[in-house]
Amino acid sequence: MSEHETSHAPYLRVFLILLVLTLLEYFYAMFATKWEFPFLLLVLGLVVMALTKAALVGAYFMHVRYEGRWVYLLIVPACVMAAIVVLGLVPDIGMHRNMTKGPAPASKATSALAPPSQSRHS
C-alpha cells in the first residue's frame, strides 16, 4: 500500500468515534430524562451529537473530505433548502398546537372504533 492509500483510510478510528458518540447520545438522553433536564437542552444536545456524527459520515465514508472545494457549491445550497423546508413547517406545527388545546369532543369516528355492545345485537 502506498502512503496515499493509508492516509485516506482512518475508517476504524471514525467508526469508534461514531460508536462513542452513539453511546453518549443514549446515556445523555437517559440521564437527561432521569434528572429532568429542560426539553430544549435535551433536544439541543442530541441534535449537536447527531450533526457531528452526520458530518463524520459525510466526510469520511462518503469521501467528501477528499473532494475539491467545488463540492461546497453543492452542499451549502442543499443545506439552505433543507432549512427552508423545515422552517416552512413551523406555522403548521403552531396551528396544530392551537387547534388541539383543550379536550377534544367525542366524535362518531371514535365511537365507531369502540367494540359493539351486547345490547345492540339483541
N, C-alpha and C. Protein backbone atom coordinates (compact mmCIF):
# COMPACT_ATOMS: atom_id res chain seq x y z
N MET A 1 0.83 -1.19 0.00
CA MET A 1 0.00 0.00 0.00
C MET A 1 0.87 1.25 0.00
N SER A 2 0.46 2.20 -0.73
CA SER A 2 1.22 3.44 -0.77
C SER A 2 0.80 4.35 0.38
N GLU A 3 1.57 5.39 0.59
CA GLU A 3 1.26 6.33 1.66
C GLU A 3 -0.06 7.04 1.41
N HIS A 4 -0.36 7.29 0.12
CA HIS A 4 -1.60 7.98 -0.24
C HIS A 4 -2.82 7.14 0.16
N GLU A 5 -2.77 5.83 -0.04
CA GLU A 5 -3.90 4.97 0.28
C GLU A 5 -4.13 4.86 1.78
N THR A 6 -3.09 4.76 2.56
CA THR A 6 -3.25 4.60 4.00
C THR A 6 -3.70 5.90 4.66
N SER A 7 -3.36 7.04 4.10
CA SER A 7 -3.77 8.30 4.70
C SER A 7 -5.26 8.57 4.49
N HIS A 8 -5.87 7.87 3.54
CA HIS A 8 -7.29 8.07 3.24
C HIS A 8 -8.16 6.99 3.90
N ALA A 9 -7.62 6.24 4.83
CA ALA A 9 -8.41 5.15 5.38
C ALA A 9 -8.40 5.13 6.92
N PRO A 10 -8.87 6.18 7.56
CA PRO A 10 -8.99 6.13 9.03
C PRO A 10 -10.36 5.60 9.45
N TYR A 11 -10.88 4.61 8.70
CA TYR A 11 -12.26 4.17 8.89
C TYR A 11 -12.51 3.56 10.27
N LEU A 12 -11.56 2.79 10.77
CA LEU A 12 -11.76 2.18 12.08
C LEU A 12 -11.82 3.25 13.18
N ARG A 13 -10.96 4.23 13.08
CA ARG A 13 -10.96 5.31 14.07
C ARG A 13 -12.28 6.09 14.01
N VAL A 14 -12.76 6.39 12.82
CA VAL A 14 -14.02 7.12 12.67
C VAL A 14 -15.18 6.26 13.18
N PHE A 15 -15.14 4.95 12.90
CA PHE A 15 -16.17 4.06 13.40
C PHE A 15 -16.21 4.07 14.92
N LEU A 16 -15.06 4.02 15.54
CA LEU A 16 -15.01 4.05 17.01
C LEU A 16 -15.54 5.37 17.57
N ILE A 17 -15.22 6.46 16.90
CA ILE A 17 -15.74 7.77 17.33
C ILE A 17 -17.27 7.79 17.19
N LEU A 18 -17.79 7.24 16.09
CA LEU A 18 -19.24 7.17 15.91
C LEU A 18 -19.88 6.29 16.98
N LEU A 19 -19.23 5.20 17.33
CA LEU A 19 -19.74 4.33 18.37
C LEU A 19 -19.80 5.05 19.72
N VAL A 20 -18.73 5.77 20.04
CA VAL A 20 -18.70 6.52 21.30
C VAL A 20 -19.77 7.61 21.31
N LEU A 21 -19.94 8.30 20.20
CA LEU A 21 -20.97 9.35 20.13
C LEU A 21 -22.37 8.75 20.28
N THR A 22 -22.59 7.58 19.71
CA THR A 22 -23.89 6.92 19.84
C THR A 22 -24.16 6.55 21.29
N LEU A 23 -23.15 6.02 21.95
CA LEU A 23 -23.30 5.70 23.38
C LEU A 23 -23.52 6.96 24.20
N LEU A 24 -22.81 8.03 23.86
CA LEU A 24 -23.02 9.31 24.56
C LEU A 24 -24.45 9.81 24.37
N GLU A 25 -24.99 9.69 23.16
CA GLU A 25 -26.38 10.10 22.92
C GLU A 25 -27.34 9.31 23.80
N TYR A 26 -27.12 8.00 23.86
CA TYR A 26 -28.00 7.14 24.64
C TYR A 26 -27.97 7.53 26.12
N PHE A 27 -26.77 7.63 26.68
CA PHE A 27 -26.66 7.94 28.10
C PHE A 27 -27.08 9.37 28.41
N TYR A 28 -26.82 10.28 27.48
CA TYR A 28 -27.26 11.67 27.66
C TYR A 28 -28.78 11.72 27.74
N ALA A 29 -29.45 11.03 26.83
CA ALA A 29 -30.92 11.03 26.85
C ALA A 29 -31.44 10.35 28.11
N MET A 30 -30.80 9.27 28.52
CA MET A 30 -31.25 8.56 29.71
C MET A 30 -31.10 9.44 30.96
N PHE A 31 -29.94 10.06 31.12
CA PHE A 31 -29.72 10.90 32.29
C PHE A 31 -30.51 12.20 32.22
N ALA A 32 -30.71 12.73 31.03
CA ALA A 32 -31.47 13.98 30.89
C ALA A 32 -32.92 13.76 31.30
N THR A 33 -33.48 12.61 30.97
CA THR A 33 -34.86 12.35 31.39
C THR A 33 -34.92 12.01 32.87
N LYS A 34 -33.90 11.32 33.38
CA LYS A 34 -33.88 10.96 34.81
C LYS A 34 -33.73 12.20 35.68
N TRP A 35 -32.87 13.11 35.28
CA TRP A 35 -32.62 14.32 36.06
C TRP A 35 -33.52 15.48 35.65
N GLU A 36 -34.44 15.23 34.73
CA GLU A 36 -35.43 16.21 34.28
C GLU A 36 -34.80 17.49 33.74
N PHE A 37 -33.88 17.32 32.78
CA PHE A 37 -33.33 18.48 32.08
C PHE A 37 -34.45 19.19 31.36
N PRO A 38 -34.30 20.48 31.10
CA PRO A 38 -35.29 21.16 30.23
C PRO A 38 -35.29 20.50 28.85
N PHE A 39 -36.48 20.42 28.26
CA PHE A 39 -36.63 19.73 26.98
C PHE A 39 -35.73 20.33 25.90
N LEU A 40 -35.61 21.65 25.88
CA LEU A 40 -34.77 22.30 24.88
C LEU A 40 -33.31 21.88 25.01
N LEU A 41 -32.83 21.75 26.23
CA LEU A 41 -31.45 21.32 26.46
C LEU A 41 -31.24 19.89 25.99
N LEU A 42 -32.22 19.04 26.24
CA LEU A 42 -32.15 17.65 25.77
C LEU A 42 -32.08 17.60 24.25
N VAL A 43 -32.96 18.32 23.59
CA VAL A 43 -33.01 18.30 22.13
C VAL A 43 -31.74 18.91 21.53
N LEU A 44 -31.29 20.03 22.06
CA LEU A 44 -30.08 20.66 21.53
C LEU A 44 -28.86 19.76 21.67
N GLY A 45 -28.72 19.11 22.80
CA GLY A 45 -27.59 18.19 22.98
C GLY A 45 -27.62 17.04 22.01
N LEU A 46 -28.80 16.45 21.82
CA LEU A 46 -28.92 15.33 20.88
C LEU A 46 -28.71 15.77 19.44
N VAL A 47 -29.20 16.95 19.09
CA VAL A 47 -29.01 17.44 17.72
C VAL A 47 -27.55 17.73 17.44
N VAL A 48 -26.84 18.30 18.40
CA VAL A 48 -25.41 18.58 18.20
C VAL A 48 -24.64 17.28 17.98
N MET A 49 -24.93 16.27 18.79
CA MET A 49 -24.24 14.99 18.61
C MET A 49 -24.62 14.32 17.28
N ALA A 50 -25.88 14.42 16.89
CA ALA A 50 -26.31 13.83 15.62
C ALA A 50 -25.67 14.54 14.43
N LEU A 51 -25.57 15.86 14.49
CA LEU A 51 -24.93 16.60 13.40
C LEU A 51 -23.44 16.29 13.31
N THR A 52 -22.81 16.09 14.47
CA THR A 52 -21.41 15.71 14.47
C THR A 52 -21.22 14.35 13.81
N LYS A 53 -22.08 13.42 14.13
CA LYS A 53 -21.99 12.09 13.52
C LYS A 53 -22.26 12.17 12.01
N ALA A 54 -23.23 12.97 11.62
CA ALA A 54 -23.53 13.11 10.19
C ALA A 54 -22.36 13.72 9.44
N ALA A 55 -21.70 14.69 10.05
CA ALA A 55 -20.53 15.31 9.42
C ALA A 55 -19.39 14.30 9.27
N LEU A 56 -19.18 13.48 10.28
CA LEU A 56 -18.13 12.45 10.18
C LEU A 56 -18.44 11.44 9.09
N VAL A 57 -19.68 10.99 9.03
CA VAL A 57 -20.07 10.03 7.99
C VAL A 57 -19.89 10.64 6.61
N GLY A 58 -20.35 11.87 6.44
CA GLY A 58 -20.21 12.53 5.14
C GLY A 58 -18.76 12.76 4.77
N ALA A 59 -17.96 13.16 5.73
CA ALA A 59 -16.57 13.49 5.44
C ALA A 59 -15.74 12.26 5.10
N TYR A 60 -15.90 11.18 5.86
CA TYR A 60 -15.03 10.02 5.68
C TYR A 60 -15.66 8.92 4.84
N PHE A 61 -16.86 8.48 5.19
CA PHE A 61 -17.44 7.34 4.49
C PHE A 61 -18.03 7.72 3.14
N MET A 62 -18.39 8.98 2.96
CA MET A 62 -18.87 9.44 1.67
C MET A 62 -17.79 10.21 0.91
N HIS A 63 -16.61 10.26 1.48
CA HIS A 63 -15.40 10.81 0.86
C HIS A 63 -15.50 12.28 0.49
N VAL A 64 -16.34 13.03 1.17
CA VAL A 64 -16.47 14.47 0.89
C VAL A 64 -15.19 15.20 1.31
N ARG A 65 -14.53 14.69 2.32
CA ARG A 65 -13.31 15.33 2.81
C ARG A 65 -12.22 15.37 1.73
N TYR A 66 -12.24 14.40 0.85
CA TYR A 66 -11.18 14.28 -0.15
C TYR A 66 -11.56 14.90 -1.49
N GLU A 67 -12.71 15.52 -1.56
CA GLU A 67 -13.12 16.19 -2.79
C GLU A 67 -12.55 17.60 -2.81
N GLY A 68 -12.68 18.21 -3.96
CA GLY A 68 -12.21 19.59 -4.09
C GLY A 68 -13.20 20.56 -3.47
N ARG A 69 -12.89 21.81 -3.54
CA ARG A 69 -13.74 22.85 -2.94
C ARG A 69 -15.07 23.01 -3.67
N TRP A 70 -15.18 22.50 -4.88
CA TRP A 70 -16.41 22.65 -5.65
C TRP A 70 -17.59 21.93 -5.00
N VAL A 71 -17.31 20.94 -4.17
CA VAL A 71 -18.37 20.18 -3.52
C VAL A 71 -19.21 21.10 -2.62
N TYR A 72 -18.58 22.10 -2.02
CA TYR A 72 -19.31 23.02 -1.15
C TYR A 72 -20.34 23.83 -1.93
N LEU A 73 -20.12 23.99 -3.22
CA LEU A 73 -21.12 24.67 -4.05
C LEU A 73 -22.40 23.84 -4.15
N LEU A 74 -22.30 22.54 -3.93
CA LEU A 74 -23.47 21.68 -3.93
C LEU A 74 -24.04 21.48 -2.53
N ILE A 75 -23.18 21.39 -1.54
CA ILE A 75 -23.62 21.09 -0.17
C ILE A 75 -24.31 22.28 0.48
N VAL A 76 -23.77 23.46 0.34
CA VAL A 76 -24.33 24.63 1.01
C VAL A 76 -25.75 24.94 0.53
N PRO A 77 -26.02 25.00 -0.78
CA PRO A 77 -27.41 25.26 -1.18
C PRO A 77 -28.38 24.15 -0.74
N ALA A 78 -27.93 22.91 -0.71
CA ALA A 78 -28.80 21.82 -0.25
C ALA A 78 -29.14 21.99 1.23
N CYS A 79 -28.18 22.41 2.04
CA CYS A 79 -28.44 22.64 3.46
C CYS A 79 -29.38 23.83 3.65
N VAL A 80 -29.22 24.86 2.85
CA VAL A 80 -30.11 26.02 2.94
C VAL A 80 -31.53 25.62 2.57
N MET A 81 -31.69 24.83 1.53
CA MET A 81 -33.02 24.37 1.12
C MET A 81 -33.65 23.48 2.19
N ALA A 82 -32.85 22.62 2.82
CA ALA A 82 -33.37 21.76 3.88
C ALA A 82 -33.85 22.61 5.05
N ALA A 83 -33.10 23.65 5.40
CA ALA A 83 -33.52 24.53 6.49
C ALA A 83 -34.80 25.27 6.13
N ILE A 84 -34.94 25.70 4.90
CA ILE A 84 -36.16 26.39 4.47
C ILE A 84 -37.36 25.47 4.55
N VAL A 85 -37.19 24.22 4.13
CA VAL A 85 -38.30 23.27 4.18
C VAL A 85 -38.71 22.99 5.63
N VAL A 86 -37.74 22.78 6.49
CA VAL A 86 -38.05 22.51 7.90
C VAL A 86 -38.69 23.72 8.55
N LEU A 87 -38.15 24.90 8.32
CA LEU A 87 -38.72 26.10 8.91
C LEU A 87 -40.08 26.44 8.32
N GLY A 88 -40.33 25.99 7.11
CA GLY A 88 -41.63 26.19 6.50
C GLY A 88 -42.74 25.41 7.20
N LEU A 89 -42.37 24.37 7.94
CA LEU A 89 -43.36 23.58 8.67
C LEU A 89 -43.72 24.18 10.02
N VAL A 90 -42.96 25.15 10.49
CA VAL A 90 -43.20 25.73 11.81
C VAL A 90 -44.61 26.32 11.94
N PRO A 91 -45.14 27.06 10.97
CA PRO A 91 -46.52 27.57 11.13
C PRO A 91 -47.55 26.45 11.24
N ASP A 92 -47.36 25.37 10.51
CA ASP A 92 -48.30 24.25 10.61
C ASP A 92 -48.25 23.60 11.99
N ILE A 93 -47.06 23.49 12.54
CA ILE A 93 -46.93 22.90 13.87
C ILE A 93 -47.60 23.80 14.91
N GLY A 94 -47.41 25.11 14.77
CA GLY A 94 -48.04 26.05 15.69
C GLY A 94 -49.55 26.03 15.58
N MET A 95 -50.07 25.94 14.38
CA MET A 95 -51.52 25.87 14.19
C MET A 95 -52.08 24.58 14.76
N HIS A 96 -51.36 23.49 14.61
CA HIS A 96 -51.82 22.20 15.14
C HIS A 96 -51.91 22.27 16.66
N ARG A 97 -50.93 22.90 17.29
CA ARG A 97 -50.95 23.03 18.75
C ARG A 97 -52.13 23.86 19.20
N ASN A 98 -52.41 24.95 18.49
CA ASN A 98 -53.53 25.82 18.87
C ASN A 98 -54.87 25.10 18.69
N MET A 99 -54.96 24.27 17.69
CA MET A 99 -56.21 23.58 17.41
C MET A 99 -56.46 22.43 18.38
N THR A 100 -55.41 21.87 18.97
CA THR A 100 -55.58 20.71 19.83
C THR A 100 -55.64 21.06 21.30
N LYS A 101 -55.65 22.33 21.67
CA LYS A 101 -55.74 22.71 23.07
C LYS A 101 -57.14 22.40 23.59
N GLY A 102 -57.17 21.94 24.82
CA GLY A 102 -58.45 21.63 25.44
C GLY A 102 -58.92 20.24 25.08
N PRO A 103 -59.96 19.77 25.77
CA PRO A 103 -60.44 18.42 25.49
C PRO A 103 -61.15 18.37 24.15
N ALA A 104 -60.87 17.35 23.42
CA ALA A 104 -61.50 17.18 22.12
C ALA A 104 -62.87 16.56 22.32
N PRO A 105 -63.88 17.05 21.61
CA PRO A 105 -65.21 16.46 21.75
C PRO A 105 -65.22 15.05 21.17
N ALA A 106 -66.05 14.19 21.76
CA ALA A 106 -66.15 12.82 21.26
C ALA A 106 -66.81 12.86 19.90
N SER A 107 -66.22 12.18 18.96
CA SER A 107 -66.77 12.18 17.61
C SER A 107 -67.35 10.82 17.29
N LYS A 108 -68.06 10.75 16.20
CA LYS A 108 -68.63 9.49 15.77
C LYS A 108 -67.53 8.52 15.34
N ALA A 109 -66.42 9.07 14.88
CA ALA A 109 -65.32 8.21 14.42
C ALA A 109 -64.75 7.42 15.58
N THR A 110 -64.61 8.03 16.75
CA THR A 110 -64.07 7.30 17.89
C THR A 110 -65.08 6.32 18.43
N SER A 111 -66.38 6.65 18.38
CA SER A 111 -67.37 5.70 18.87
C SER A 111 -67.53 4.53 17.90
N ALA A 112 -67.23 4.74 16.63
CA ALA A 112 -67.32 3.66 15.66
C ALA A 112 -66.20 2.65 15.87
N LEU A 113 -65.09 3.10 16.47
CA LEU A 113 -63.98 2.20 16.72
C LEU A 113 -64.18 1.39 17.99
N ALA A 114 -65.11 1.78 18.82
CA ALA A 114 -65.35 1.07 20.07
C ALA A 114 -65.99 -0.27 19.75
N PRO A 115 -65.74 -1.28 20.60
CA PRO A 115 -66.35 -2.59 20.34
C PRO A 115 -67.86 -2.51 20.50
N PRO A 116 -68.60 -3.27 19.70
CA PRO A 116 -70.06 -3.20 19.81
C PRO A 116 -70.53 -3.74 21.15
N SER A 117 -71.58 -3.16 21.67
CA SER A 117 -72.10 -3.60 22.96
C SER A 117 -73.05 -4.78 22.73
N GLN A 118 -73.36 -5.50 23.80
CA GLN A 118 -74.21 -6.68 23.73
C GLN A 118 -75.64 -6.28 23.41
N SER A 119 -76.11 -5.12 23.91
CA SER A 119 -77.48 -4.72 23.72
C SER A 119 -77.81 -4.38 22.28
N ARG A 120 -76.81 -4.08 21.49
CA ARG A 120 -77.00 -3.73 20.09
C ARG A 120 -77.53 -4.92 19.29
N HIS A 121 -77.05 -6.10 19.62
CA HIS A 121 -77.40 -7.29 18.83
C HIS A 121 -78.64 -8.00 19.34
N SER A 122 -79.22 -7.58 20.42
CA SER A 122 -80.39 -8.31 20.94
C SER A 122 -81.71 -7.78 20.43
